[in-house]
C-alpha cells in the first residue's frame, strides 16, 4: 500500500486524534503486508503550521513511528530531491523474509538492477 503524505490543517494544538491511525492499521491482515508512505515536502503547508520543513519531517517521522513505521534510506528519485522528504515503512510480522529482502533491496536499487541477479 502506497500512501503519499499530504498536509492538512490539524488545528491549533497540531495533533491528530489518537485513534486516527488505529482504524487503518487495526486489522490482522496488515501483519501480512508491507505498508509504506512517501512524504514529499512540497506538499506540506509548513508555513501555515508555523513549522520548518525539518520540524514537520520530524513530526511525521514520530507520528508514523508510533504505529510501527521505520524510516528507510532509499534512492527513490522523488525522496532524493529534497532532504526534507521521507520514506517510512511498516513491515508486517508475517511477511515472508524473501519478500522483505526484495523490498529492502529495491529501496536502494532500481528494478533494472535486479534483472541480472534475480532480485
Foldseek 3Di string as FASTA:
>chain_A
DEDEDAEDDCDDVPDDPPCPVCVVVVDLCCLQDKYKYKYQLVRYPCVVVVHDLQVVLVVVQVVVVVVQKDWDAAPPPRQVPDVSMTMIIHHHNPHDVVVVVVVNVCRHPPPVVCPVPVD
